[in-house]
Amino acid sequence: MADPGGQNPGILATLGQGVQAMNRLVKLMTSAFPQTTGTSGTATGGAATLPANPVGFIVVTLPDGTSAKIPYYT
């Protein structure tokens, strides 16, 4: 690709490579951190009873901007 202004012939190619890299990064992040589909107060499927006290909480920011704490156990 050539620069329409003729100033830097490689600039559009470099920008195109940057866009491609960002698209790959978005796909990778989406597969590593999938979108949530909602919340539930109960679980089914034979899960074991969790301990009364979690080790800690993971704080996440929801799409609407509010924060949520997800407990984790060891």
C-alpha atoms as a PDB file:
ATOM      1  CA  MET A   1       0.000   0.000   0.000  1.00  0.00           C
ATOM      2  CA  ALA A   2       1.214   3.464  -0.721  1.00  0.00           C
ATOM      3  CA  ASP A   3       0.688   6.583   1.333  1.00  0.00           C
ATOM      4  CA  PRO A   4      -1.881   8.750  -0.510  1.00  0.00           C
ATOM      5  CA  GLY A   5       0.152  11.850   0.281  1.00  0.00           C
ATOM      6  CA  GLY A   6       3.389  10.257  -0.899  1.00  0.00           C
ATOM      7  CA  GLN A   7       5.161  11.087   2.357  1.00  0.00           C
ATOM      8  CA  ASN A   8       5.807   7.564   3.655  1.00  0.00           C
ATOM      9  CA  PRO A   9       5.028   4.622   1.347  1.00  0.00           C
ATOM     10  CA  GLY A  10       5.146   2.041   4.164  1.00  0.00           C
ATOM     11  CA  ILE A  11       2.919   3.812   6.680  1.00  0.00           C
ATOM     12  CA  LEU A  12      -0.355   2.224   5.537  1.00  0.00           C
ATOM     13  CA  ALA A  13       1.211  -1.242   5.518  1.00  0.00           C
ATOM     14  CA  THR A  14       2.494  -0.682   9.053  1.00  0.00           C
ATOM     15  CA  LEU A  15      -0.906   0.554  10.203  1.00  0.00           C
ATOM     16  CA  GLY A  16      -2.578  -2.447   8.567  1.00  0.00           C
ATOM     17  CA  GLN A  17      -0.254  -4.794  10.441  1.00  0.00           C
ATOM     18  CA  GLY A  18      -1.127  -3.001  13.692  1.00  0.00           C
ATOM     19  CA  VAL A  19      -4.852  -3.432  13.034  1.00  0.00           C
ATOM     20  CA  GLN A  20      -4.355  -7.126  12.281  1.00  0.00           C
ATOM     21  CA  ALA A  21      -2.395  -7.570  15.516  1.00  0.00           C
ATOM     22  CA  MET A  22      -5.122  -5.820  17.514  1.00  0.00           C
ATOM     23  CA  ASN A  23      -7.800  -8.032  15.931  1.00  0.00           C
ATOM     24  CA  ARG A  24      -5.833 -11.151  16.894  1.00  0.00           C
ATOM     25  CA  LEU A  25      -5.459  -9.826  20.433  1.00  0.00           C
ATOM     26  CA  VAL A  26      -9.211  -9.184  20.727  1.00  0.00           C
ATOM     27  CA  LYS A  27      -9.949 -12.748  19.571  1.00  0.00           C
ATOM     28  CA  LEU A  28      -7.456 -14.154  22.061  1.00  0.00           C
ATOM     29  CA  MET A  29      -8.840 -12.085  24.955  1.00  0.00           C
ATOM     30  CA  THR A  30     -12.419 -13.065  24.055  1.00  0.00           C
ATOM     31  CA  SER A  31     -11.527 -16.754  24.145  1.00  0.00           C
ATOM     32  CA  ALA A  32      -9.612 -16.378  27.431  1.00  0.00           C
ATOM     33  CA  PHE A  33     -12.245 -14.197  29.126  1.00  0.00           C
ATOM     34  CA  PRO A  34     -15.651 -15.044  27.659  1.00  0.00           C
ATOM     35  CA  GLN A  35     -18.614 -12.776  28.231  1.00  0.00           C
ATOM     36  CA  THR A  36     -20.915 -13.689  31.083  1.00  0.00           C
ATOM     37  CA  THR A  37     -24.524 -14.548  30.319  1.00  0.00           C
ATOM     38  CA  GLY A  38     -26.024 -13.649  33.672  1.00  0.00           C
ATOM     39  CA  THR A  39     -25.916 -14.565  37.320  1.00  0.00           C
ATOM     40  CA  SER A  40     -27.548 -17.178  39.503  1.00  0.00           C
ATOM     41  CA  GLY A  41     -28.145 -17.615  43.195  1.00  0.00           C
ATOM     42  CA  THR A  42     -27.996 -21.410  42.903  1.00  0.00           C
ATOM     43  CA  ALA A  43     -26.127 -24.061  40.929  1.00  0.00           C
ATOM     44  CA  THR A  44     -27.203 -27.443  39.628  1.00  0.00           C
ATOM     45  CA  GLY A  45     -25.347 -30.452  38.350  1.00  0.00           C
ATOM     46  CA  GLY A  46     -24.112 -32.138  41.495  1.00  0.00           C
ATOM     47  CA  ALA A  47     -21.549 -29.546  42.538  1.00  0.00           C
ATOM     48  CA  ALA A  48     -20.002 -30.042  45.966  1.00  0.00           C
ATOM     49  CA  THR A  49     -20.981 -27.738  48.789  1.00  0.00           C
ATOM     50  CA  LEU A  50     -18.508 -24.885  49.033  1.00  0.00           C
ATOM     51  CA  PRO A  51     -16.761 -23.949  52.276  1.00  0.00           C
ATOM     52  CA  ALA A  52     -18.418 -21.233  54.353  1.00  0.00           C
ATOM     53  CA  ASN A  53     -15.478 -18.821  53.997  1.00  0.00           C
ATOM     54  CA  PRO A  54     -13.756 -18.128  50.679  1.00  0.00           C
ATOM     55  CA  VAL A  55     -10.009 -17.515  50.553  1.00  0.00           C
ATOM     56  CA  GLY A  56     -10.599 -14.205  48.798  1.00  0.00           C
ATOM     57  CA  PHE A  57     -12.550 -12.427  46.104  1.00  0.00           C
ATOM     58  CA  ILE A  58     -11.814 -11.519  42.494  1.00  0.00           C
ATOM     59  CA  VAL A  59     -13.177  -8.051  41.756  1.00  0.00           C
ATOM     60  CA  VAL A  60     -14.514  -7.604  38.211  1.00  0.00           C
ATOM     61  CA  THR A  61     -16.129  -4.652  36.498  1.00  0.00           C
ATOM     62  CA  LEU A  62     -19.373  -5.584  34.775  1.00  0.00           C
ATOM     63  CA  PRO A  63     -20.354  -4.143  31.369  1.00  0.00           C
ATOM     64  CA  ASP A  64     -22.676  -1.651  33.074  1.00  0.00           C
ATOM     65  CA  GLY A  65     -19.727  -0.277  35.092  1.00  0.00           C
ATOM     66  CA  THR A  66     -20.639  -1.788  38.460  1.00  0.00           C
ATOM     67  CA  SER A  67     -18.201  -3.953  40.393  1.00  0.00           C
ATOM     68  CA  ALA A  68     -18.833  -7.531  41.448  1.00  0.00           C
ATOM     69  CA  LYS A  69     -16.846  -9.771  43.799  1.00  0.00           C
ATOM     70  CA  ILE A  70     -16.412 -13.420  42.829  1.00  0.00           C
ATOM     71  CA  PRO A  71     -15.299 -15.683  45.698  1.00  0.00           C
ATOM     72  CA  TYR A  72     -12.491 -18.175  45.216  1.00  0.00           C
ATOM     73  CA  TYR A  73     -11.580 -21.225  47.264  1.00  0.00           C
ATOM     74  CA  THR A  74      -8.514 -23.450  47.587  1.00  0.00           C
END
